[in-house]
Amino acid sequence: MHRIFNSLCTALNERDGDTHDHCSRVVALAQELGRHIELDSNELALLSLGAGLHDIGKIGIPDRVLHKPGRFAEDELETMRRHPLIGERIVRAIADQRADRLAEIVRHHHEDLDGTGYPDGLRGTAIPLFARIVSLTDNYDAMAAPRPYHPGRTHHEIIDLMSGPDAEKFDPDLLHAFRHVIEHSPMRAA
């Protein structure tokens, strides 16, 4: 599995180095949170693979959308929202016993606890735990890193956003644990 994982990460890096770097940071954050909530070594390994592959579906997104320097038009947003489904198909093609669980993480990393996410509008614990962890850490890093449509936000700005109006998107227990972990993390935004 690790050779396949490394091959897919190399392909993602060749396609879009920024997405590859983002996935690497999400792996680090997810691992910190996973250790804090006392996942065992097998669970941490699965979480790490899922976090590393969560955006692999962006390989199938056209450059005009993937590299657009501003906000998406509605049709572009729909195109970008296909990346979890593309990623799921890529991961399910891996001949490994963990492929189905990894594919669930990839497919559901944009689901929101309140049911407003995509692609399936899952809510609450219907969203797999590892997908909820990746969602939380993915959001933190996405807000911390500068993007063409917004500057990188400070740690306090991110925590205020995640704990304010957006709090209903995240598992409250995981958000509480993450807030503790991120305060002492080398991955903490400035």
C-alpha atoms as a PDB file:
ATOM      1  CA  MET A   1       0.000   0.000   0.000  1.00  0.00           C
ATOM      2  CA  HIS A   2       2.791   2.434   0.812  1.00  0.00           C
ATOM      3  CA  ARG A   3       4.256   2.184  -2.712  1.00  0.00           C
ATOM      4  CA  ILE A   4       0.844   2.924  -4.194  1.00  0.00           C
ATOM      5  CA  PHE A   5       0.303   5.765  -1.704  1.00  0.00           C
ATOM      6  CA  ASN A   6       3.697   7.260  -2.596  1.00  0.00           C
ATOM      7  CA  SER A   7       2.930   6.909  -6.307  1.00  0.00           C
ATOM      8  CA  LEU A   8      -0.406   8.694  -5.929  1.00  0.00           C
ATOM      9  CA  CYS A   9       1.186  11.456  -3.826  1.00  0.00           C
ATOM     10  CA  THR A  10       3.890  11.877  -6.480  1.00  0.00           C
ATOM     11  CA  ALA A  11       1.208  12.128  -9.173  1.00  0.00           C
ATOM     12  CA  LEU A  12      -0.658  14.734  -7.118  1.00  0.00           C
ATOM     13  CA  ASN A  13       2.559  16.707  -6.588  1.00  0.00           C
ATOM     14  CA  GLU A  14       3.218  16.671 -10.337  1.00  0.00           C
ATOM     15  CA  ARG A  15      -0.370  17.806 -11.002  1.00  0.00           C
ATOM     16  CA  ASP A  16      -0.557  20.457  -8.280  1.00  0.00           C
ATOM     17  CA  GLY A  17       2.235  20.994  -5.774  1.00  0.00           C
ATOM     18  CA  ASP A  18       0.095  23.281  -3.595  1.00  0.00           C
ATOM     19  CA  THR A  19      -2.545  20.569  -3.118  1.00  0.00           C
ATOM     20  CA  HIS A  20       0.191  18.020  -2.359  1.00  0.00           C
ATOM     21  CA  ASP A  21       1.693  20.330   0.292  1.00  0.00           C
ATOM     22  CA  HIS A  22      -1.755  20.955   1.761  1.00  0.00           C
ATOM     23  CA  CYS A  23      -2.378  17.195   2.017  1.00  0.00           C
ATOM     24  CA  SER A  24       0.947  16.747   3.810  1.00  0.00           C
ATOM     25  CA  ARG A  25      -0.028  19.375   6.389  1.00  0.00           C
ATOM     26  CA  VAL A  26      -3.465  17.786   6.830  1.00  0.00           C
ATOM     27  CA  VAL A  27      -1.750  14.437   7.504  1.00  0.00           C
ATOM     28  CA  ALA A  28       0.358  16.037  10.251  1.00  0.00           C
ATOM     29  CA  LEU A  29      -2.650  17.742  11.852  1.00  0.00           C
ATOM     30  CA  ALA A  30      -4.830  14.630  11.617  1.00  0.00           C
ATOM     31  CA  GLN A  31      -2.081  12.540  13.207  1.00  0.00           C
ATOM     32  CA  GLU A  32      -1.783  14.963  16.117  1.00  0.00           C
ATOM     33  CA  LEU A  33      -5.533  14.906  16.680  1.00  0.00           C
ATOM     34  CA  GLY A  34      -5.681  11.128  16.250  1.00  0.00           C
ATOM     35  CA  ARG A  35      -2.985  10.597  18.883  1.00  0.00           C
ATOM     36  CA  HIS A  36      -4.768  12.993  21.229  1.00  0.00           C
ATOM     37  CA  ILE A  37      -8.037  11.042  21.008  1.00  0.00           C
ATOM     38  CA  GLU A  38      -6.040   7.838  21.515  1.00  0.00           C
ATOM     39  CA  LEU A  39      -6.456   6.098  18.184  1.00  0.00           C
ATOM     40  CA  ASP A  40      -4.380   2.927  18.032  1.00  0.00           C
ATOM     41  CA  SER A  41      -1.444   2.488  15.626  1.00  0.00           C
ATOM     42  CA  ASN A  42      -3.538   0.754  12.938  1.00  0.00           C
ATOM     43  CA  GLU A  43      -6.176   3.500  13.113  1.00  0.00           C
ATOM     44  CA  LEU A  44      -3.480   6.193  12.944  1.00  0.00           C
ATOM     45  CA  ALA A  45      -1.983   4.517   9.873  1.00  0.00           C
ATOM     46  CA  LEU A  46      -5.380   4.424   8.142  1.00  0.00           C
ATOM     47  CA  LEU A  47      -6.090   8.037   9.127  1.00  0.00           C
ATOM     48  CA  SER A  48      -2.714   9.114   7.769  1.00  0.00           C
ATOM     49  CA  LEU A  49      -3.355   7.429   4.421  1.00  0.00           C
ATOM     50  CA  GLY A  50      -6.861   8.900   4.208  1.00  0.00           C
ATOM     51  CA  ALA A  51      -5.650  12.399   5.061  1.00  0.00           C
ATOM     52  CA  GLY A  52      -2.859  12.105   2.510  1.00  0.00           C
ATOM     53  CA  LEU A  53      -5.265  11.033  -0.217  1.00  0.00           C
ATOM     54  CA  HIS A  54      -8.242  13.228   0.699  1.00  0.00           C
ATOM     55  CA  ASP A  55      -7.728  15.584  -2.275  1.00  0.00           C
ATOM     56  CA  ILE A  56      -6.391  13.010  -4.766  1.00  0.00           C
ATOM     57  CA  GLY A  57      -9.516  13.564  -6.871  1.00  0.00           C
ATOM     58  CA  LYS A  58      -8.234  17.031  -7.778  1.00  0.00           C
ATOM     59  CA  ILE A  59      -6.088  15.195 -10.321  1.00  0.00           C
ATOM     60  CA  GLY A  60      -9.303  15.028 -12.398  1.00  0.00           C
ATOM     61  CA  ILE A  61     -10.280  18.701 -12.070  1.00  0.00           C
ATOM     62  CA  PRO A  62      -9.532  20.885 -15.143  1.00  0.00           C
ATOM     63  CA  ASP A  63      -6.782  23.488 -14.737  1.00  0.00           C
ATOM     64  CA  ARG A  64      -9.172  26.351 -15.503  1.00  0.00           C
ATOM     65  CA  VAL A  65     -11.026  25.446 -12.287  1.00  0.00           C
ATOM     66  CA  LEU A  66      -8.233  24.011 -10.147  1.00  0.00           C
ATOM     67  CA  HIS A  67      -5.977  27.028 -10.666  1.00  0.00           C
ATOM     68  CA  LYS A  68      -8.616  29.750 -10.912  1.00  0.00           C
ATOM     69  CA  PRO A  69      -7.332  32.813  -9.057  1.00  0.00           C
ATOM     70  CA  GLY A  70     -10.718  33.960  -7.776  1.00  0.00           C
ATOM     71  CA  ARG A  71     -14.044  32.711  -6.502  1.00  0.00           C
ATOM     72  CA  PHE A  72     -15.785  29.987  -8.483  1.00  0.00           C
ATOM     73  CA  ALA A  73     -18.823  30.541 -10.663  1.00  0.00           C
ATOM     74  CA  GLU A  74     -21.647  28.082  -9.923  1.00  0.00           C
ATOM     75  CA  ASP A  75     -20.639  25.637 -12.692  1.00  0.00           C
ATOM     76  CA  GLU A  76     -17.002  25.763 -11.564  1.00  0.00           C
ATOM     77  CA  LEU A  77     -18.040  25.095  -7.967  1.00  0.00           C
ATOM     78  CA  GLU A  78     -19.987  22.035  -9.139  1.00  0.00           C
ATOM     79  CA  THR A  79     -16.919  20.848 -11.036  1.00  0.00           C
ATOM     80  CA  MET A  80     -14.696  21.291  -7.960  1.00  0.00           C
ATOM     81  CA  ARG A  81     -17.241  19.486  -5.801  1.00  0.00           C
ATOM     82  CA  ARG A  82     -16.703  16.381  -7.932  1.00  0.00           C
ATOM     83  CA  HIS A  83     -13.190  15.862  -6.534  1.00  0.00           C
ATOM     84  CA  PRO A  84     -14.318  13.659  -3.590  1.00  0.00           C
ATOM     85  CA  LEU A  85     -16.143  11.351  -6.032  1.00  0.00           C
ATOM     86  CA  ILE A  86     -13.187  11.219  -8.422  1.00  0.00           C
ATOM     87  CA  GLY A  87     -10.891  10.530  -5.477  1.00  0.00           C
ATOM     88  CA  GLU A  88     -13.160   7.785  -4.209  1.00  0.00           C
ATOM     89  CA  ARG A  89     -12.980   6.031  -7.593  1.00  0.00           C
ATOM     90  CA  ILE A  90      -9.177   6.322  -7.657  1.00  0.00           C
ATOM     91  CA  VAL A  91      -8.831   4.905  -4.146  1.00  0.00           C
ATOM     92  CA  ARG A  92     -11.333   2.076  -4.710  1.00  0.00           C
ATOM     93  CA  ALA A  93      -9.168   0.953  -7.661  1.00  0.00           C
ATOM     94  CA  ILE A  94      -6.327   0.147  -5.236  1.00  0.00           C
ATOM     95  CA  ALA A  95      -6.021  -3.581  -4.598  1.00  0.00           C
ATOM     96  CA  ASP A  96      -5.758  -3.379  -0.817  1.00  0.00           C
ATOM     97  CA  GLN A  97      -8.013  -4.462   2.027  1.00  0.00           C
ATOM     98  CA  ARG A  98      -8.097  -0.877   3.357  1.00  0.00           C
ATOM     99  CA  ALA A  99      -9.220   0.668   0.071  1.00  0.00           C
ATOM    100  CA  ASP A 100     -12.929   0.747   0.978  1.00  0.00           C
ATOM    101  CA  ARG A 101     -12.309   2.525   4.303  1.00  0.00           C
ATOM    102  CA  LEU A 102      -9.896   4.953   2.647  1.00  0.00           C
ATOM    103  CA  ALA A 103     -12.425   5.630  -0.099  1.00  0.00           C
ATOM    104  CA  GLU A 104     -15.019   6.550   2.557  1.00  0.00           C
ATOM    105  CA  ILE A 105     -12.638   9.116   4.048  1.00  0.00           C
ATOM    106  CA  VAL A 106     -11.931  10.610   0.637  1.00  0.00           C
ATOM    107  CA  ARG A 107     -15.612  10.666  -0.392  1.00  0.00           C
ATOM    108  CA  HIS A 108     -16.900  12.216   2.826  1.00  0.00           C
ATOM    109  CA  HIS A 109     -14.215  14.737   3.819  1.00  0.00           C
ATOM    110  CA  HIS A 110     -16.485  17.621   2.726  1.00  0.00           C
ATOM    111  CA  GLU A 111     -19.566  16.435   4.612  1.00  0.00           C
ATOM    112  CA  ASP A 112     -20.669  18.771   7.417  1.00  0.00           C
ATOM    113  CA  LEU A 113     -22.093  17.608  10.716  1.00  0.00           C
ATOM    114  CA  ASP A 114     -25.234  19.698  10.104  1.00  0.00           C
ATOM    115  CA  GLY A 115     -25.926  17.966   6.767  1.00  0.00           C
ATOM    116  CA  THR A 116     -24.982  20.927   4.547  1.00  0.00           C
ATOM    117  CA  GLY A 117     -21.850  19.315   3.096  1.00  0.00           C
ATOM    118  CA  TYR A 118     -21.306  17.257  -0.028  1.00  0.00           C
ATOM    119  CA  PRO A 119     -21.458  14.928  -1.907  1.00  0.00           C
ATOM    120  CA  ASP A 120     -24.145  13.072   0.078  1.00  0.00           C
ATOM    121  CA  GLY A 121     -25.425  15.592   2.638  1.00  0.00           C
ATOM    122  CA  LEU A 122     -24.606  13.202   5.488  1.00  0.00           C
ATOM    123  CA  ARG A 123     -25.072  14.470   9.011  1.00  0.00           C
ATOM    124  CA  GLY A 124     -23.810  13.637  12.470  1.00  0.00           C
ATOM    125  CA  THR A 125     -22.269  10.247  13.078  1.00  0.00           C
ATOM    126  CA  ALA A 126     -23.372   9.029   9.636  1.00  0.00           C
ATOM    127  CA  ILE A 127     -20.136  10.736   8.563  1.00  0.00           C
ATOM    128  CA  PRO A 128     -17.254   8.320   9.234  1.00  0.00           C
ATOM    129  CA  LEU A 129     -15.061   9.395  12.171  1.00  0.00           C
ATOM    130  CA  PHE A 130     -11.891   9.645  10.102  1.00  0.00           C
ATOM    131  CA  ALA A 131     -13.674  11.798   7.507  1.00  0.00           C
ATOM    132  CA  ARG A 132     -14.784  14.107  10.345  1.00  0.00           C
ATOM    133  CA  ILE A 133     -11.167  14.371  11.514  1.00  0.00           C
ATOM    134  CA  VAL A 134      -9.909  15.083   7.996  1.00  0.00           C
ATOM    135  CA  SER A 135     -12.670  17.671   7.477  1.00  0.00           C
ATOM    136  CA  LEU A 136     -11.652  19.543  10.599  1.00  0.00           C
ATOM    137  CA  THR A 137      -7.916  19.507   9.873  1.00  0.00           C
ATOM    138  CA  ASP A 138      -8.498  20.221   6.175  1.00  0.00           C
ATOM    139  CA  ASN A 139     -10.551  23.306   7.042  1.00  0.00           C
ATOM    140  CA  TYR A 140      -7.956  24.597   9.481  1.00  0.00           C
ATOM    141  CA  ASP A 141      -5.126  24.295   6.958  1.00  0.00           C
ATOM    142  CA  ALA A 142      -7.213  25.673   4.088  1.00  0.00           C
ATOM    143  CA  MET A 143      -7.891  28.821   6.107  1.00  0.00           C
ATOM    144  CA  ALA A 144      -4.275  29.129   7.341  1.00  0.00           C
ATOM    145  CA  ALA A 145      -2.686  28.887   3.906  1.00  0.00           C
ATOM    146  CA  PRO A 146      -2.929  31.829   1.530  1.00  0.00           C
ATOM    147  CA  ARG A 147      -5.192  31.131  -1.427  1.00  0.00           C
ATOM    148  CA  PRO A 148      -5.761  33.188  -4.569  1.00  0.00           C
ATOM    149  CA  TYR A 149      -9.143  34.272  -3.160  1.00  0.00           C
ATOM    150  CA  HIS A 150      -8.066  34.980   0.455  1.00  0.00           C
ATOM    151  CA  PRO A 151      -4.905  35.668   2.433  1.00  0.00           C
ATOM    152  CA  GLY A 152      -3.796  33.163   5.043  1.00  0.00           C
ATOM    153  CA  ARG A 153      -5.687  33.744   8.260  1.00  0.00           C
ATOM    154  CA  THR A 154      -4.191  33.888  11.729  1.00  0.00           C
ATOM    155  CA  HIS A 155      -4.711  31.105  14.228  1.00  0.00           C
ATOM    156  CA  HIS A 156      -7.126  33.218  16.255  1.00  0.00           C
ATOM    157  CA  GLU A 157      -9.149  34.175  13.176  1.00  0.00           C
ATOM    158  CA  ILE A 158      -9.425  30.513  12.172  1.00  0.00           C
ATOM    159  CA  ILE A 159     -10.474  29.351  15.636  1.00  0.00           C
ATOM    160  CA  ASP A 160     -13.041  32.174  15.821  1.00  0.00           C
ATOM    161  CA  LEU A 161     -14.491  31.094  12.460  1.00  0.00           C
ATOM    162  CA  MET A 162     -14.507  27.398  13.331  1.00  0.00           C
ATOM    163  CA  SER A 163     -16.050  28.027  16.746  1.00  0.00           C
ATOM    164  CA  GLY A 164     -18.540  30.657  15.649  1.00  0.00           C
ATOM    165  CA  PRO A 165     -21.093  30.373  12.846  1.00  0.00           C
ATOM    166  CA  ASP A 166     -19.244  27.411  11.283  1.00  0.00           C
ATOM    167  CA  ALA A 167     -19.190  25.368  14.509  1.00  0.00           C
ATOM    168  CA  GLU A 168     -22.262  23.364  13.498  1.00  0.00           C
ATOM    169  CA  LYS A 169     -20.240  21.930  10.593  1.00  0.00           C
ATOM    170  CA  PHE A 170     -17.827  20.123  12.901  1.00  0.00           C
ATOM    171  CA  ASP A 171     -18.097  17.321  15.442  1.00  0.00           C
ATOM    172  CA  PRO A 172     -18.146  19.285  18.735  1.00  0.00           C
ATOM    173  CA  ASP A 173     -16.053  16.722  20.614  1.00  0.00           C
ATOM    174  CA  LEU A 174     -13.431  16.650  17.884  1.00  0.00           C
ATOM    175  CA  LEU A 175     -13.433  20.445  17.637  1.00  0.00           C
ATOM    176  CA  HIS A 176     -12.864  20.682  21.397  1.00  0.00           C
ATOM    177  CA  ALA A 177      -9.997  18.176  21.196  1.00  0.00           C
ATOM    178  CA  PHE A 178      -8.542  19.917  18.138  1.00  0.00           C
ATOM    179  CA  ARG A 179      -8.585  23.304  19.870  1.00  0.00           C
ATOM    180  CA  HIS A 180      -6.471  21.781  22.655  1.00  0.00           C
ATOM    181  CA  VAL A 181      -4.067  20.064  20.236  1.00  0.00           C
ATOM    182  CA  ILE A 182      -3.544  22.996  17.882  1.00  0.00           C
ATOM    183  CA  GLU A 183      -2.530  25.367  20.676  1.00  0.00           C
ATOM    184  CA  HIS A 184       0.671  23.358  21.188  1.00  0.00           C
ATOM    185  CA  SER A 185       1.197  22.169  17.628  1.00  0.00           C
ATOM    186  CA  PRO A 186       4.086  23.088  15.347  1.00  0.00           C
ATOM    187  CA  MET A 187       1.362  23.249  12.655  1.00  0.00           C
ATOM    188  CA  ARG A 188      -0.406  26.140  14.439  1.00  0.00           C
ATOM    189  CA  ALA A 189      -0.903  29.161  12.183  1.00  0.00           C
ATOM    190  CA  ALA A 190       0.768  32.389  13.251  1.00  0.00           C
END
